[in-house]
Protein backbone atom coordinates (compact mmCIF):
# COMPACT_ATOMS: atom_id res chain seq x y z
CA MET A 1 95.57 207.02 39.45
CA THR A 2 95.60 203.91 36.51
CA ASP A 3 97.87 200.88 37.87
CA GLU A 4 99.78 202.34 34.63
CA GLN A 5 100.31 205.59 36.02
CA ARG A 6 101.41 204.21 39.69
CA ASP A 7 104.08 202.44 38.17
CA ARG A 8 105.49 204.80 35.79
CA ALA A 9 105.50 207.04 39.69
CA ARG A 10 107.03 204.33 41.40
CA LYS A 11 109.56 204.24 39.30
CA ALA A 12 110.21 207.83 38.25
CA LEU A 13 110.47 208.33 42.73
CA GLU A 14 113.06 205.43 42.65
CA LEU A 15 115.18 207.04 40.28
CA ALA A 16 114.80 210.77 41.78
CA ILE A 17 116.42 208.61 44.60
CA ASP A 18 119.17 207.26 43.26
CA GLU A 19 119.30 210.71 41.15
CA VAL A 20 120.41 212.69 44.66
CA GLY A 21 122.30 209.98 46.54
CA GLY A 22 119.90 208.69 48.70
CA ALA A 23 116.34 208.30 50.16
CA SER A 24 118.43 210.18 53.22
CA ARG A 25 119.99 212.54 50.83
CA LEU A 26 116.68 213.21 49.74
CA ALA A 27 114.96 213.75 52.74
CA GLU A 28 118.06 216.49 53.50
CA LYS A 29 117.19 218.38 50.60
CA LEU A 30 113.85 218.38 51.69
CA GLU A 31 114.00 219.20 55.02
CA ILE A 32 112.14 215.90 56.05
CA THR A 33 112.50 212.70 57.98
CA ARG A 34 114.18 209.54 55.63
CA GLY A 35 111.54 208.11 57.73
CA ALA A 36 108.73 210.14 55.48
CA VAL A 37 110.66 209.55 52.15
CA TYR A 38 110.63 206.00 53.24
CA GLN A 39 106.66 206.00 53.69
CA TRP A 40 106.37 207.35 50.28
CA ASP A 41 104.61 205.03 47.51
CA VAL A 42 104.54 208.32 45.02
CA CYS A 43 105.46 211.15 45.22
CA PRO A 44 103.60 213.22 46.62
CA ALA A 45 102.22 215.83 44.44
CA ASP A 46 103.07 219.09 46.60
CA ARG A 47 106.61 217.33 47.06
CA CYS A 48 106.49 217.00 43.39
CA VAL A 49 108.10 220.25 42.52
CA ASP A 50 111.26 220.30 45.17
CA VAL A 51 111.60 216.67 44.10
CA GLU A 52 112.20 217.56 40.86
CA LYS A 53 114.27 220.38 40.96
CA HIS A 54 116.65 218.53 43.36
CA SER A 55 116.61 215.48 41.18
CA GLY A 56 116.16 216.39 37.29
CA ILE A 57 113.09 214.43 37.68
CA PRO A 58 110.02 216.06 35.71
CA ARG A 59 106.95 216.45 37.92
CA THR A 60 104.75 214.74 34.79
CA ALA A 61 106.59 211.27 35.45
CA LEU A 62 106.65 211.73 39.46
CA ARG A 63 102.71 212.29 39.30
CA PRO A 64 101.65 211.81 35.94
CA ASP A 65 97.51 211.92 37.11
CA VAL A 66 97.69 215.59 38.18
CA PHE A 67 100.61 216.88 35.73
CA ARG A 68 100.62 216.54 32.64
């Protein structure tokens, strides 16, 4: 992942968290702990589809290095 892709992915994750009402709410929807969400630098590739489903933020924005 390039620095530019990482920056975009971080911003997309922040937006996704905001869209669902916070990290606790996202964690609840994903059935994981809030701490797990807070540990993410960028959204893990295996969580992108679910984060997209709940937030509306496209997986291509969440992980531009994986999804095109």
